[in-house]
């Protein structure tokens, strides 16, 4: 019986963890939608995903090194 409870707890942990990703994506999406101009130039469309990737990489590396 204990393995069933352990599995259920792990499953709930995964579900809540993954649900948190959607909340973060929605929040950042709303911020970017509010701050970007209605018709952004092509260079911004190309540079923005790359800048977000670099920022996220550095952030997660910093958190990994801190803990």
N, C-alpha and C. Protein backbone atom coordinates (compact mmCIF):
# COMPACT_ATOMS: atom_id res chain seq x y z
N UNK A 1 0.81 -1.20 0.00
CA UNK A 1 0.00 0.00 0.00
C UNK A 1 0.85 1.26 0.00
N UNK A 2 2.02 1.21 0.65
CA UNK A 2 2.84 2.42 0.73
C UNK A 2 3.38 2.81 -0.64
N UNK A 3 3.65 1.84 -1.52
CA UNK A 3 4.14 2.21 -2.85
C UNK A 3 3.06 2.91 -3.66
N UNK A 4 1.80 2.58 -3.40
CA UNK A 4 0.70 3.25 -4.08
C UNK A 4 0.63 4.71 -3.64
N UNK A 5 0.77 4.95 -2.35
CA UNK A 5 0.76 6.33 -1.85
C UNK A 5 1.98 7.11 -2.34
N UNK A 6 3.12 6.45 -2.39
CA UNK A 6 4.33 7.11 -2.90
C UNK A 6 4.15 7.47 -4.36
N UNK A 7 3.61 6.56 -5.15
CA UNK A 7 3.39 6.85 -6.56
C UNK A 7 2.37 7.97 -6.74
N UNK A 8 1.30 7.96 -5.96
CA UNK A 8 0.29 9.00 -6.04
C UNK A 8 0.88 10.36 -5.66
N UNK A 9 1.71 10.38 -4.61
CA UNK A 9 2.36 11.63 -4.22
C UNK A 9 3.29 12.14 -5.29
N UNK A 10 4.06 11.24 -5.89
CA UNK A 10 4.96 11.64 -6.97
C UNK A 10 4.18 12.14 -8.18
N UNK A 11 3.09 11.48 -8.51
CA UNK A 11 2.26 11.92 -9.63
C UNK A 11 1.68 13.31 -9.38
N UNK A 12 1.23 13.57 -8.16
CA UNK A 12 0.71 14.90 -7.85
C UNK A 12 1.81 15.95 -7.92
N UNK A 13 3.00 15.61 -7.47
CA UNK A 13 4.13 16.52 -7.54
C UNK A 13 4.42 16.90 -8.99
N UNK A 14 4.44 15.92 -9.86
CA UNK A 14 4.70 16.18 -11.29
C UNK A 14 3.59 17.04 -11.88
N UNK A 15 2.35 16.74 -11.55
CA UNK A 15 1.22 17.50 -12.10
C UNK A 15 1.28 18.95 -11.64
N UNK A 16 1.51 19.19 -10.36
CA UNK A 16 1.58 20.56 -9.87
C UNK A 16 2.79 21.29 -10.42
N UNK A 17 3.91 20.59 -10.56
CA UNK A 17 5.11 21.20 -11.12
C UNK A 17 4.86 21.65 -12.56
N UNK A 18 4.28 20.77 -13.36
CA UNK A 18 4.02 21.10 -14.75
C UNK A 18 2.96 22.20 -14.88
N UNK A 19 2.00 22.24 -13.98
CA UNK A 19 0.99 23.29 -14.01
C UNK A 19 1.61 24.65 -13.76
N UNK A 20 2.67 24.68 -12.96
CA UNK A 20 3.37 25.93 -12.69
C UNK A 20 4.03 26.50 -13.92
N UNK A 21 4.49 25.63 -14.83
CA UNK A 21 5.11 26.12 -16.06
C UNK A 21 4.11 26.90 -16.90
N UNK A 22 2.90 26.43 -16.96
CA UNK A 22 1.90 27.12 -17.76
C UNK A 22 1.60 28.51 -17.19
N UNK A 23 1.60 28.62 -15.87
CA UNK A 23 1.35 29.92 -15.25
C UNK A 23 2.47 30.90 -15.57
N UNK A 24 3.70 30.44 -15.55
CA UNK A 24 4.84 31.30 -15.87
C UNK A 24 4.79 31.73 -17.32
N UNK A 25 4.49 30.80 -18.20
CA UNK A 25 4.40 31.13 -19.63
C UNK A 25 3.29 32.16 -19.87
N UNK A 26 2.15 31.98 -19.23
CA UNK A 26 1.05 32.93 -19.38
C UNK A 26 1.44 34.31 -18.85
N UNK A 27 2.13 34.35 -17.72
CA UNK A 27 2.51 35.64 -17.14
C UNK A 27 3.51 36.36 -18.05
N UNK A 28 4.58 35.67 -18.46
CA UNK A 28 5.57 36.30 -19.34
C UNK A 28 4.95 36.68 -20.68
N UNK A 29 4.08 35.84 -21.19
CA UNK A 29 3.41 36.16 -22.45
C UNK A 29 2.58 37.44 -22.33
N UNK A 30 1.91 37.61 -21.22
CA UNK A 30 1.12 38.82 -21.01
C UNK A 30 2.02 40.05 -20.90
N UNK A 31 3.15 39.92 -20.22
CA UNK A 31 4.08 41.05 -20.09
C UNK A 31 4.64 41.43 -21.46
N UNK A 32 5.09 40.44 -22.23
CA UNK A 32 5.63 40.74 -23.55
C UNK A 32 4.57 41.31 -24.47
N UNK A 33 3.37 40.80 -24.41
CA UNK A 33 2.30 41.32 -25.26
C UNK A 33 1.99 42.77 -24.91
N UNK A 34 2.09 43.11 -23.63
CA UNK A 34 1.79 44.48 -23.22
C UNK A 34 2.92 45.44 -23.57
N UNK A 35 4.15 44.98 -23.57
CA UNK A 35 5.30 45.87 -23.76
C UNK A 35 5.77 45.98 -25.21
N UNK A 36 5.46 45.01 -26.03
CA UNK A 36 5.90 45.08 -27.42
C UNK A 36 5.00 46.01 -28.22
N UNK A 37 5.58 46.67 -29.22
CA UNK A 37 4.74 47.51 -30.08
C UNK A 37 3.79 46.64 -30.91
N UNK A 38 2.72 47.24 -31.42
CA UNK A 38 1.74 46.45 -32.19
C UNK A 38 2.34 45.80 -33.44
N UNK A 39 3.30 46.46 -34.08
CA UNK A 39 3.92 45.92 -35.29
C UNK A 39 5.44 45.95 -35.10
N UNK A 40 6.00 44.97 -34.38
CA UNK A 40 7.43 45.00 -34.10
C UNK A 40 8.25 44.78 -35.37
N UNK A 41 9.44 45.39 -35.44
CA UNK A 41 10.29 45.19 -36.61
C UNK A 41 10.81 43.75 -36.67
N UNK A 42 11.28 43.36 -37.84
CA UNK A 42 11.74 41.98 -38.05
C UNK A 42 12.90 41.63 -37.15
N UNK A 43 13.82 42.55 -36.94
CA UNK A 43 14.99 42.26 -36.10
C UNK A 43 14.58 41.92 -34.67
N UNK A 44 13.50 42.55 -34.20
CA UNK A 44 13.02 42.26 -32.84
C UNK A 44 12.39 40.87 -32.78
N UNK A 45 11.67 40.50 -33.83
CA UNK A 45 11.09 39.15 -33.88
C UNK A 45 12.17 38.07 -33.87
N UNK A 46 13.31 38.36 -34.44
CA UNK A 46 14.40 37.40 -34.49
C UNK A 46 15.22 37.42 -33.20
N UNK A 47 15.48 38.61 -32.68
CA UNK A 47 16.37 38.75 -31.52
C UNK A 47 15.68 38.36 -30.20
N UNK A 48 14.41 38.59 -30.06
CA UNK A 48 13.74 38.36 -28.79
C UNK A 48 13.80 36.91 -28.30
N UNK A 49 13.49 35.91 -29.14
CA UNK A 49 13.62 34.53 -28.64
C UNK A 49 15.05 34.17 -28.24
N UNK A 50 16.03 34.67 -28.98
CA UNK A 50 17.43 34.39 -28.63
C UNK A 50 17.79 35.05 -27.30
N UNK A 51 17.35 36.26 -27.08
CA UNK A 51 17.64 36.94 -25.82
C UNK A 51 16.96 36.23 -24.65
N UNK A 52 15.75 35.78 -24.85
CA UNK A 52 15.05 35.04 -23.79
C UNK A 52 15.78 33.74 -23.47
N UNK A 53 16.26 33.05 -24.51
CA UNK A 53 17.01 31.81 -24.29
C UNK A 53 18.28 32.06 -23.48
N UNK A 54 19.01 33.11 -23.82
CA UNK A 54 20.24 33.44 -23.09
C UNK A 54 19.92 33.79 -21.64
N UNK A 55 18.91 34.61 -21.43
CA UNK A 55 18.54 35.01 -20.08
C UNK A 55 18.12 33.81 -19.24
N UNK A 56 17.30 32.93 -19.80
CA UNK A 56 16.85 31.76 -19.06
C UNK A 56 18.01 30.80 -18.77
N UNK A 57 18.91 30.66 -19.72
CA UNK A 57 20.07 29.78 -19.51
C UNK A 57 20.92 30.29 -18.36
N UNK A 58 21.21 31.58 -18.35
CA UNK A 58 22.01 32.14 -17.26
C UNK A 58 21.29 32.04 -15.92
N UNK A 59 19.98 32.26 -15.92
CA UNK A 59 19.24 32.18 -14.67
C UNK A 59 19.27 30.78 -14.09
N UNK A 60 18.97 29.76 -14.90
CA UNK A 60 18.97 28.39 -14.40
C UNK A 60 20.37 27.91 -14.03
N UNK A 61 21.41 28.40 -14.73
CA UNK A 61 22.77 28.06 -14.36
C UNK A 61 23.12 28.67 -13.00
N UNK A 62 22.69 29.90 -12.78
CA UNK A 62 22.94 30.55 -11.50
C UNK A 62 22.23 29.83 -10.36
N UNK A 63 21.00 29.44 -10.59
CA UNK A 63 20.26 28.71 -9.56
C UNK A 63 20.91 27.35 -9.30
N UNK A 64 21.35 26.67 -10.36
CA UNK A 64 22.01 25.37 -10.19
C UNK A 64 23.31 25.50 -9.41
N UNK A 65 24.06 26.55 -9.66
CA UNK A 65 25.31 26.75 -8.93
C UNK A 65 25.06 27.16 -7.48
N UNK A 66 24.00 27.88 -7.24
CA UNK A 66 23.70 28.33 -5.88
C UNK A 66 23.24 27.18 -4.98
N UNK A 67 22.59 26.21 -5.56
CA UNK A 67 22.07 25.12 -4.74
C UNK A 67 22.76 23.83 -5.06
